[in-house]
Amino acid sequence: IVVFIMNSAPVAAALSNDGVEDYTVATGQ
């Protein structure tokens, strides 16, 4: 669920406004 939320467009846009352009979130392996 966390990965799904962090990959969503609204969260990506919010992080982009905060200066985070290139990030990824994954679980386990």
PDB file of all heavy atoms in Angstrom:
ATOM      1  N   ILE A   1       0.839  -1.203   0.000  1.00  0.00           N
ATOM      2  CA  ILE A   1       0.000   0.000   0.000  1.00  0.00           C
ATOM      3  C   ILE A   1       0.872   1.250   0.000  1.00  0.00           C
ATOM      4  O   ILE A   1       0.602   2.226  -0.714  1.00  0.00           O
ATOM      5  CB  ILE A   1      -0.954  -0.026   1.212  1.00  0.00           C
ATOM      6  CG1 ILE A   1      -1.931  -1.197   1.094  1.00  0.00           C
ATOM      7  CG2 ILE A   1      -1.694   1.296   1.340  1.00  0.00           C
ATOM      8  CD1 ILE A   1      -2.839  -1.380   2.288  1.00  0.00           C
ATOM      9  N   VAL A   2       1.943   1.228   0.792  1.00  0.00           N
ATOM     10  CA  VAL A   2       2.842   2.379   0.849  1.00  0.00           C
ATOM     11  C   VAL A   2       3.485   2.624  -0.513  1.00  0.00           C
ATOM     12  O   VAL A   2       3.555   3.763  -0.993  1.00  0.00           O
ATOM     13  CB  VAL A   2       3.915   2.156   1.936  1.00  0.00           C
ATOM     14  CG1 VAL A   2       5.018   3.203   1.828  1.00  0.00           C
ATOM     15  CG2 VAL A   2       3.283   2.207   3.319  1.00  0.00           C
ATOM     16  N   VAL A   3       3.938   1.558  -1.157  1.00  0.00           N
ATOM     17  CA  VAL A   3       4.559   1.711  -2.476  1.00  0.00           C
ATOM     18  C   VAL A   3       3.546   2.276  -3.466  1.00  0.00           C
ATOM     19  O   VAL A   3       3.870   3.163  -4.268  1.00  0.00           O
ATOM     20  CB  VAL A   3       5.110   0.353  -2.966  1.00  0.00           C
ATOM     21  CG1 VAL A   3       5.563   0.446  -4.413  1.00  0.00           C
ATOM     22  CG2 VAL A   3       6.263  -0.091  -2.080  1.00  0.00           C
ATOM     23  N   PHE A   4       2.313   1.772  -3.424  1.00  0.00           N
ATOM     24  CA  PHE A   4       1.282   2.258  -4.342  1.00  0.00           C
ATOM     25  C   PHE A   4       1.017   3.747  -4.128  1.00  0.00           C
ATOM     26  O   PHE A   4       0.893   4.523  -5.090  1.00  0.00           O
ATOM     27  CB  PHE A   4      -0.006   1.445  -4.145  1.00  0.00           C
ATOM     28  CG  PHE A   4      -1.138   1.888  -5.019  1.00  0.00           C
ATOM     29  CD1 PHE A   4      -1.201   1.490  -6.343  1.00  0.00           C
ATOM     30  CD2 PHE A   4      -2.133   2.712  -4.517  1.00  0.00           C
ATOM     31  CE1 PHE A   4      -2.243   1.900  -7.154  1.00  0.00           C
ATOM     32  CE2 PHE A   4      -3.180   3.136  -5.318  1.00  0.00           C
ATOM     33  CZ  PHE A   4      -3.231   2.722  -6.643  1.00  0.00           C
ATOM     34  N   ILE A   5       0.925   4.151  -2.873  1.00  0.00           N
ATOM     35  CA  ILE A   5       0.649   5.563  -2.579  1.00  0.00           C
ATOM     36  C   ILE A   5       1.814   6.440  -3.025  1.00  0.00           C
ATOM     37  O   ILE A   5       1.614   7.493  -3.647  1.00  0.00           O
ATOM     38  CB  ILE A   5       0.379   5.743  -1.071  1.00  0.00           C
ATOM     39  CG1 ILE A   5      -0.935   5.052  -0.679  1.00  0.00           C
ATOM     40  CG2 ILE A   5       0.331   7.224  -0.700  1.00  0.00           C
ATOM     41  CD1 ILE A   5      -1.212   5.066   0.810  1.00  0.00           C
ATOM     42  N   MET A   6       3.038   6.003  -2.742  1.00  0.00           N
ATOM     43  CA  MET A   6       4.196   6.833  -3.067  1.00  0.00           C
ATOM     44  C   MET A   6       4.429   6.931  -4.571  1.00  0.00           C
ATOM     45  O   MET A   6       5.076   7.871  -5.041  1.00  0.00           O
ATOM     46  CB  MET A   6       5.443   6.274  -2.382  1.00  0.00           C
ATOM     47  CG  MET A   6       5.370   6.315  -0.857  1.00  0.00           C
ATOM     48  SD  MET A   6       5.118   7.984  -0.210  1.00  0.00           S
ATOM     49  CE  MET A   6       6.634   8.775  -0.708  1.00  0.00           C
ATOM     50  N   ASN A   7       3.917   5.978  -5.330  1.00  0.00           N
ATOM     51  CA  ASN A   7       4.056   6.028  -6.779  1.00  0.00           C
ATOM     52  C   ASN A   7       2.903   6.749  -7.467  1.00  0.00           C
ATOM     53  O   ASN A   7       2.914   6.879  -8.695  1.00  0.00           O
ATOM     54  CB  ASN A   7       4.175   4.607  -7.354  1.00  0.00           C
ATOM     55  CG  ASN A   7       5.503   3.964  -7.007  1.00  0.00           C
ATOM     56  OD1 ASN A   7       6.495   4.637  -6.785  1.00  0.00           O
ATOM     57  ND2 ASN A   7       5.518   2.640  -6.955  1.00  0.00           N
ATOM     58  N   SER A   8       1.924   7.174  -6.700  1.00  0.00           N
ATOM     59  CA  SER A   8       0.774   7.847  -7.299  1.00  0.00           C
ATOM     60  C   SER A   8       1.157   9.244  -7.775  1.00  0.00           C
ATOM     61  O   SER A   8       2.113   9.859  -7.286  1.00  0.00           O
ATOM     62  CB  SER A   8      -0.369   7.942  -6.278  1.00  0.00           C
ATOM     63  OG  SER A   8       0.015   8.732  -5.166  1.00  0.00           O
ATOM     64  N   ALA A   9       0.400   9.762  -8.717  1.00  0.00           N
ATOM     65  CA  ALA A   9       0.707  11.063  -9.317  1.00  0.00           C
ATOM     66  C   ALA A   9       0.628  12.211  -8.311  1.00  0.00           C
ATOM     67  O   ALA A   9       1.506  13.091  -8.319  1.00  0.00           O
ATOM     68  CB  ALA A   9      -0.229  11.312 -10.499  1.00  0.00           C
ATOM     69  N   PRO A  10      -0.382  12.276  -7.429  1.00  0.00           N
ATOM     70  CA  PRO A  10      -0.423  13.399  -6.473  1.00  0.00           C
ATOM     71  C   PRO A  10       0.786  13.437  -5.543  1.00  0.00           C
ATOM     72  O   PRO A  10       1.339  14.514  -5.282  1.00  0.00           O
ATOM     73  CB  PRO A  10      -1.720  13.148  -5.694  1.00  0.00           C
ATOM     74  CG  PRO A  10      -2.560  12.311  -6.594  1.00  0.00           C
ATOM     75  CD  PRO A  10      -1.602  11.441  -7.328  1.00  0.00           C
ATOM     76  N   VAL A  11       1.213  12.272  -5.037  1.00  0.00           N
ATOM     77  CA  VAL A  11       2.367  12.244  -4.145  1.00  0.00           C
ATOM     78  C   VAL A  11       3.634  12.608  -4.901  1.00  0.00           C
ATOM     79  O   VAL A  11       4.494  13.347  -4.401  1.00  0.00           O
ATOM     80  CB  VAL A  11       2.492  10.866  -3.480  1.00  0.00           C
ATOM     81  CG1 VAL A  11       3.779  10.773  -2.666  1.00  0.00           C
ATOM     82  CG2 VAL A  11       1.292  10.595  -2.585  1.00  0.00           C
ATOM     83  N   ALA A  12       3.779  12.100  -6.126  1.00  0.00           N
ATOM     84  CA  ALA A  12       4.949  12.438  -6.933  1.00  0.00           C
ATOM     85  C   ALA A  12       5.005  13.933  -7.209  1.00  0.00           C
ATOM     86  O   ALA A  12       6.080  14.545  -7.165  1.00  0.00           O
ATOM     87  CB  ALA A  12       4.922  11.653  -8.240  1.00  0.00           C
ATOM     88  N   ALA A  13       3.843  14.540  -7.459  1.00  0.00           N
ATOM     89  CA  ALA A  13       3.815  15.980  -7.702  1.00  0.00           C
ATOM     90  C   ALA A  13       4.172  16.758  -6.438  1.00  0.00           C
ATOM     91  O   ALA A  13       4.901  17.763  -6.500  1.00  0.00           O
ATOM     92  CB  ALA A  13       2.432  16.388  -8.206  1.00  0.00           C
ATOM     93  N   ALA A  14       3.690  16.284  -5.286  1.00  0.00           N
ATOM     94  CA  ALA A  14       4.008  16.966  -4.024  1.00  0.00           C
ATOM     95  C   ALA A  14       5.499  16.886  -3.724  1.00  0.00           C
ATOM     96  O   ALA A  14       6.120  17.867  -3.308  1.00  0.00           O
ATOM     97  CB  ALA A  14       3.197  16.343  -2.890  1.00  0.00           C
ATOM     98  N   LEU A  15       6.098  15.720  -3.939  1.00  0.00           N
ATOM     99  CA  LEU A  15       7.534  15.572  -3.713  1.00  0.00           C
ATOM    100  C   LEU A  15       8.338  16.392  -4.718  1.00  0.00           C
ATOM    101  O   LEU A  15       9.401  16.939  -4.377  1.00  0.00           O
ATOM    102  CB  LEU A  15       7.931  14.107  -3.795  1.00  0.00           C
ATOM    103  CG  LEU A  15       7.531  13.246  -2.584  1.00  0.00           C
ATOM    104  CD1 LEU A  15       7.799  11.775  -2.864  1.00  0.00           C
ATOM    105  CD2 LEU A  15       8.281  13.694  -1.336  1.00  0.00           C
ATOM    106  N   SER A  16       7.847  16.492  -5.937  1.00  0.00           N
ATOM    107  CA  SER A  16       8.537  17.317  -6.930  1.00  0.00           C
ATOM    108  C   SER A  16       8.557  18.773  -6.508  1.00  0.00           C
ATOM    109  O   SER A  16       9.568  19.471  -6.659  1.00  0.00           O
ATOM    110  CB  SER A  16       7.865  17.156  -8.292  1.00  0.00           C
ATOM    111  OG  SER A  16       8.478  17.962  -9.262  1.00  0.00           O
ATOM    112  N   ASN A  17       7.455  19.227  -5.970  1.00  0.00           N
ATOM    113  CA  ASN A  17       7.421  20.602  -5.465  1.00  0.00           C
ATOM    114  C   ASN A  17       8.351  20.798  -4.275  1.00  0.00           C
ATOM    115  O   ASN A  17       8.814  21.906  -4.015  1.00  0.00           O
ATOM    116  CB  ASN A  17       5.989  20.973  -5.059  1.00  0.00           C
ATOM    117  CG  ASN A  17       5.047  21.033  -6.246  1.00  0.00           C
ATOM    118  OD1 ASN A  17       5.478  21.317  -7.366  1.00  0.00           O
ATOM    119  ND2 ASN A  17       3.760  20.780  -6.008  1.00  0.00           N
ATOM    120  N   ASP A  18       8.632  19.686  -3.579  1.00  0.00           N
ATOM    121  CA  ASP A  18       9.539  19.749  -2.426  1.00  0.00           C
ATOM    122  C   ASP A  18      10.993  19.540  -2.839  1.00  0.00           C
ATOM    123  O   ASP A  18      11.882  19.455  -1.992  1.00  0.00           O
ATOM    124  CB  ASP A  18       9.124  18.677  -1.406  1.00  0.00           C
ATOM    125  CG  ASP A  18       9.732  18.937  -0.030  1.00  0.00           C
ATOM    126  OD1 ASP A  18      10.059  20.115   0.282  1.00  0.00           O
ATOM    127  OD2 ASP A  18       9.914  17.965   0.723  1.00  0.00           O
ATOM    128  N   GLY A  19      11.241  19.413  -4.149  1.00  0.00           N
ATOM    129  CA  GLY A  19      12.603  19.288  -4.646  1.00  0.00           C
ATOM    130  C   GLY A  19      13.084  17.868  -4.845  1.00  0.00           C
ATOM    131  O   GLY A  19      14.267  17.645  -5.098  1.00  0.00           O
ATOM    132  N   VAL A  20      12.171  16.892  -4.750  1.00  0.00           N
ATOM    133  CA  VAL A  20      12.545  15.497  -4.942  1.00  0.00           C
ATOM    134  C   VAL A  20      12.042  15.057  -6.314  1.00  0.00           C
ATOM    135  O   VAL A  20      10.841  14.856  -6.509  1.00  0.00           O
ATOM    136  CB  VAL A  20      11.956  14.589  -3.844  1.00  0.00           C
ATOM    137  CG1 VAL A  20      12.402  13.149  -4.045  1.00  0.00           C
ATOM    138  CG2 VAL A  20      12.367  15.094  -2.468  1.00  0.00           C
ATOM    139  N   GLU A  21      12.949  14.902  -7.261  1.00  0.00           N
ATOM    140  CA  GLU A  21      12.560  14.575  -8.626  1.00  0.00           C
ATOM    141  C   GLU A  21      12.717  13.077  -8.931  1.00  0.00           C
ATOM    142  O   GLU A  21      11.873  12.476  -9.571  1.00  0.00           O
ATOM    143  CB  GLU A  21      13.404  15.376  -9.627  1.00  0.00           C
ATOM    144  CG  GLU A  21      13.182  16.878  -9.547  1.00  0.00           C
ATOM    145  CD  GLU A  21      11.820  17.294 -10.080  1.00  0.00           C
ATOM    146  OE1 GLU A  21      11.153  16.472 -10.741  1.00  0.00           O
ATOM    147  OE2 GLU A  21      11.414  18.444  -9.826  1.00  0.00           O
ATOM    148  N   ASP A  22      13.802  12.489  -8.495  1.00  0.00           N
ATOM    149  CA  ASP A  22      14.115  11.105  -8.872  1.00  0.00           C
ATOM    150  C   ASP A  22      14.159  10.246  -7.614  1.00  0.00           C
ATOM    151  O   ASP A  22      15.146  10.243  -6.876  1.00  0.00           O
ATOM    152  CB  ASP A  22      15.461  11.063  -9.604  1.00  0.00           C
ATOM    153  CG  ASP A  22      15.717   9.720 -10.272  1.00  0.00           C
ATOM    154  OD1 ASP A  22      14.887   8.804 -10.091  1.00  0.00           O
ATOM    155  OD2 ASP A  22      16.742   9.583 -10.964  1.00  0.00           O
ATOM    156  N   TYR A  23      13.086   9.527  -7.360  1.00  0.00           N
ATOM    157  CA  TYR A  23      13.016   8.654  -6.189  1.00  0.00           C
ATOM    158  C   TYR A  23      12.241   7.400  -6.559  1.00  0.00           C
ATOM    159  O   TYR A  23      11.429   7.386  -7.491  1.00  0.00           O
ATOM    160  CB  TYR A  23      12.332   9.358  -5.016  1.00  0.00           C
ATOM    161  CG  TYR A  23      10.829   9.457  -5.158  1.00  0.00           C
ATOM    162  CD1 TYR A  23       9.996   8.490  -4.603  1.00  0.00           C
ATOM    163  CD2 TYR A  23      10.241  10.490  -5.879  1.00  0.00           C
ATOM    164  CE1 TYR A  23       8.614   8.561  -4.743  1.00  0.00           C
ATOM    165  CE2 TYR A  23       8.874  10.580  -6.025  1.00  0.00           C
ATOM    166  CZ  TYR A  23       8.063   9.612  -5.460  1.00  0.00           C
ATOM    167  OH  TYR A  23       6.694   9.688  -5.613  1.00  0.00           O
ATOM    168  N   THR A  24      12.489   6.331  -5.842  1.00  0.00           N
ATOM    169  CA  THR A  24      11.721   5.098  -5.970  1.00  0.00           C
ATOM    170  C   THR A  24      11.530   4.498  -4.588  1.00  0.00           C
ATOM    171  O   THR A  24      12.362   4.686  -3.686  1.00  0.00           O
ATOM    172  CB  THR A  24      12.421   4.061  -6.881  1.00  0.00           C
ATOM    173  OG1 THR A  24      13.769   3.869  -6.431  1.00  0.00           O
ATOM    174  CG2 THR A  24      12.434   4.519  -8.319  1.00  0.00           C
ATOM    175  N   VAL A  25      10.440   3.766  -4.441  1.00  0.00           N
ATOM    176  CA  VAL A  25      10.111   3.076  -3.197  1.00  0.00           C
ATOM    177  C   VAL A  25       9.741   1.646  -3.555  1.00  0.00           C
ATOM    178  O   VAL A  25       8.977   1.418  -4.501  1.00  0.00           O
ATOM    179  CB  VAL A  25       8.952   3.768  -2.460  1.00  0.00           C
ATOM    180  CG1 VAL A  25       8.626   3.032  -1.165  1.00  0.00           C
ATOM    181  CG2 VAL A  25       9.297   5.224  -2.162  1.00  0.00           C
ATOM    182  N   ALA A  26      10.305   0.681  -2.831  1.00  0.00           N
ATOM    183  CA  ALA A  26      10.042  -0.731  -3.109  1.00  0.00           C
ATOM    184  C   ALA A  26       9.976  -1.505  -1.813  1.00  0.00           C
ATOM    185  O   ALA A  26      10.459  -1.040  -0.764  1.00  0.00           O
ATOM    186  CB  ALA A  26      11.125  -1.315  -4.018  1.00  0.00           C
ATOM    187  N   THR A  27       9.392  -2.683  -1.876  1.00  0.00           N
ATOM    188  CA  THR A  27       9.300  -3.553  -0.705  1.00  0.00           C
ATOM    189  C   THR A  27      10.156  -4.787  -0.898  1.00  0.00           C
ATOM    190  O   THR A  27      10.305  -5.291  -2.014  1.00  0.00           O
ATOM    191  CB  THR A  27       7.851  -4.000  -0.461  1.00  0.00           C
ATOM    192  OG1 THR A  27       7.394  -4.752  -1.587  1.00  0.00           O
ATOM    193  CG2 THR A  27       6.939  -2.813  -0.253  1.00  0.00           C
ATOM    194  N   GLY A  28      10.731  -5.279   0.178  1.00  0.00           N
ATOM    195  CA  GLY A  28      11.461  -6.535   0.156  1.00  0.00           C
ATOM    196  C   GLY A  28      12.537  -6.584  -0.908  1.00  0.00           C
ATOM    197  O   GLY A  28      13.431  -5.737  -0.965  1.00  0.00           O
ATOM    198  N   GLN A  29      12.444  -7.567  -1.794  1.00  0.00           N
ATOM    199  CA  GLN A  29      13.421  -7.764  -2.859  1.00  0.00           C
ATOM    200  C   GLN A  29      13.005  -7.073  -4.160  1.00  0.00           C
ATOM    201  O   GLN A  29      13.555  -7.367  -5.215  1.00  0.00           O
ATOM    202  CB  GLN A  29      13.596  -9.267  -3.122  1.00  0.00           C
ATOM    203  CG  GLN A  29      14.087 -10.044  -1.929  1.00  0.00           C
ATOM    204  CD  GLN A  29      15.446  -9.563  -1.452  1.00  0.00           C
ATOM    205  OE1 GLN A  29      16.339  -9.312  -2.260  1.00  0.00           O
ATOM    206  NE2 GLN A  29      15.613  -9.445  -0.141  1.00  0.00           N
TER     207      GLN A  29
END
